[in-house]
Amino acid sequence: VPLMGKGGSIILNSSWLDLRGVAGRGILSASKAAVRSFARTFAAELAPKGIRVNAVSPGSIITPLHRGGRSEADFNAYVEATSKIIPAGRMGQPEDIAGAALFLASDLSSYVLGAEIIVDGGRAEL
């Protein structure tokens, strides 16, 4: 923050898991809820300096991490099953998250402070 001077944007990475209880995800959910709270608090502290703080909360995004040690068939089955529980009907792509981050980094979001953009195909809210 000291190097930012006056103005700018800080974008924190959270998760849709801060919005819903999911069995087996307690620690991750709690840590992401803390990130969300930090975004609001930090936004209030830095607003007088013209620095905006917001969070992007991805849902299920297809990345190499999801592939893990799965075979191609197992990975395809995972994507198909996960896509069925997402209202948008698909898992997200890294570009979906990049679009939200680019918006928050741009002047188009100059009036957005302490917000969370949930990029999860509607999974957490619908």
Protein backbone atom coordinates (compact mmCIF):
# COMPACT_ATOMS: atom_id res chain seq x y z
CA VAL A 1 0.00 0.00 0.00
CA PRO A 2 2.74 2.56 0.74
CA LEU A 3 4.05 2.15 -2.81
CA MET A 4 0.63 2.69 -4.38
CA GLY A 5 0.49 6.40 -3.66
CA LYS A 6 -2.97 7.88 -4.17
CA GLY A 7 -5.41 5.73 -6.07
CA GLY A 8 -5.42 2.22 -7.41
CA SER A 9 -7.14 -1.10 -6.97
CA ILE A 10 -6.45 -4.12 -4.80
CA ILE A 11 -8.23 -7.32 -5.83
CA LEU A 12 -8.38 -10.20 -3.35
CA ASN A 13 -9.12 -13.79 -4.33
CA SER A 14 -11.86 -15.40 -2.27
CA SER A 15 -14.27 -18.23 -3.13
CA TRP A 16 -17.98 -18.91 -3.48
CA LEU A 17 -17.49 -21.17 -0.44
CA ASP A 18 -17.72 -18.11 1.82
CA LEU A 19 -21.45 -18.05 0.96
CA ARG A 20 -22.55 -21.66 1.52
CA GLY A 21 -21.85 -24.44 3.91
CA VAL A 22 -20.28 -27.40 2.12
CA ALA A 23 -19.41 -30.55 4.04
CA GLY A 24 -15.68 -31.15 4.27
CA ARG A 25 -14.80 -27.56 3.35
CA GLY A 26 -14.98 -25.88 6.77
CA ILE A 27 -11.43 -24.57 6.95
CA LEU A 28 -11.42 -23.32 3.36
CA SER A 29 -14.86 -21.72 3.78
CA ALA A 30 -13.84 -19.96 6.98
CA SER A 31 -10.59 -18.66 5.50
CA LYS A 32 -12.38 -17.33 2.42
CA ALA A 33 -15.02 -15.64 4.61
CA ALA A 34 -12.12 -13.95 6.40
CA VAL A 35 -10.76 -12.72 3.05
CA ARG A 36 -14.21 -11.32 2.25
CA SER A 37 -14.36 -9.51 5.59
CA PHE A 38 -10.83 -8.21 5.08
CA ALA A 39 -11.84 -6.76 1.70
CA ARG A 40 -14.66 -4.74 3.30
CA THR A 41 -12.52 -3.53 6.19
CA PHE A 42 -9.50 -2.70 4.06
CA ALA A 43 -11.77 -0.89 1.57
CA ALA A 44 -13.05 1.35 4.37
CA GLU A 45 -9.52 2.06 5.56
CA LEU A 46 -8.07 2.83 2.13
CA ALA A 47 -11.00 4.69 0.53
CA PRO A 48 -9.69 8.08 1.74
CA LYS A 49 -6.49 7.39 -0.22
CA GLY A 50 -8.48 6.64 -3.37
CA ILE A 51 -7.53 2.96 -3.22
CA ARG A 52 -10.34 0.51 -3.96
CA VAL A 53 -10.34 -2.96 -2.41
CA ASN A 54 -12.65 -5.67 -3.72
CA ALA A 55 -12.77 -9.46 -3.96
CA VAL A 56 -13.34 -11.92 -6.78
CA SER A 57 -14.88 -15.21 -5.67
CA PRO A 58 -14.46 -17.98 -8.23
CA GLY A 59 -16.57 -21.10 -8.31
CA SER A 60 -15.51 -24.32 -10.01
CA ILE A 61 -12.94 -23.27 -12.58
CA ILE A 62 -11.20 -25.74 -14.88
CA THR A 63 -7.49 -25.53 -14.07
CA PRO A 64 -4.60 -28.00 -13.91
CA LEU A 65 -5.34 -28.32 -10.17
CA HIS A 66 -8.67 -29.97 -10.96
CA ARG A 67 -6.97 -32.52 -13.18
CA GLY A 68 -4.76 -33.71 -10.35
CA GLY A 69 -3.85 -37.34 -10.88
CA ARG A 70 -7.10 -38.13 -12.67
CA SER A 71 -7.17 -40.07 -15.91
CA GLU A 72 -8.71 -38.29 -18.89
CA ALA A 73 -11.91 -40.32 -18.45
CA ASP A 74 -12.12 -39.54 -14.72
CA PHE A 75 -11.48 -35.85 -15.37
CA ASN A 76 -14.18 -35.71 -18.06
CA ALA A 77 -16.63 -37.46 -15.72
CA TYR A 78 -15.77 -34.94 -12.97
CA VAL A 79 -16.36 -31.97 -15.31
CA GLU A 80 -19.65 -33.46 -16.53
CA ALA A 81 -20.94 -34.16 -13.00
CA THR A 82 -19.87 -30.77 -11.67
CA SER A 83 -21.39 -28.95 -14.64
CA LYS A 84 -24.77 -30.53 -13.85
CA ILE A 85 -24.95 -28.80 -10.45
CA ILE A 86 -24.03 -25.35 -11.80
CA PRO A 87 -27.01 -23.32 -13.07
CA ALA A 88 -24.93 -22.03 -16.02
CA GLY A 89 -24.46 -25.67 -17.07
CA ARG A 90 -20.68 -25.58 -17.22
CA MET A 91 -17.56 -25.15 -15.16
CA GLY A 92 -15.80 -21.83 -15.46
CA GLN A 93 -12.65 -21.01 -17.37
CA PRO A 94 -9.75 -18.86 -16.13
CA GLU A 95 -10.89 -16.19 -18.60
CA ASP A 96 -14.14 -15.87 -16.65
CA ILE A 97 -12.19 -14.83 -13.57
CA ALA A 98 -9.86 -12.61 -15.59
CA GLY A 99 -12.85 -10.63 -16.89
CA ALA A 100 -14.04 -9.86 -13.37
CA ALA A 101 -10.54 -8.91 -12.25
CA LEU A 102 -10.03 -6.65 -15.28
CA PHE A 103 -13.30 -4.88 -14.51
CA LEU A 104 -12.26 -4.31 -10.89
CA ALA A 105 -8.83 -3.08 -11.97
CA SER A 106 -10.30 -0.63 -14.48
CA ASP A 107 -11.80 2.81 -14.08
CA LEU A 108 -15.18 1.28 -14.96
CA SER A 109 -15.34 0.13 -11.33
CA SER A 110 -14.32 3.47 -9.82
CA TYR A 111 -17.47 3.46 -7.64
CA VAL A 112 -17.08 -0.16 -6.50
CA LEU A 113 -15.52 -0.52 -3.05
CA GLY A 114 -15.57 -3.46 -0.64
CA ALA A 115 -17.56 -5.60 -3.06
CA GLU A 116 -17.39 -9.27 -3.88
CA ILE A 117 -17.93 -10.40 -7.46
CA ILE A 118 -19.01 -14.02 -7.46
CA VAL A 119 -17.99 -15.79 -10.67
CA ASP A 120 -19.49 -19.23 -10.22
CA GLY A 121 -22.15 -19.72 -12.88
CA GLY A 122 -24.86 -19.10 -10.27
CA ARG A 123 -23.92 -22.02 -8.04
CA ALA A 124 -23.83 -20.16 -4.72
CA GLU A 125 -26.85 -17.94 -5.22
CA LEU A 126 -29.36 -19.94 -7.25
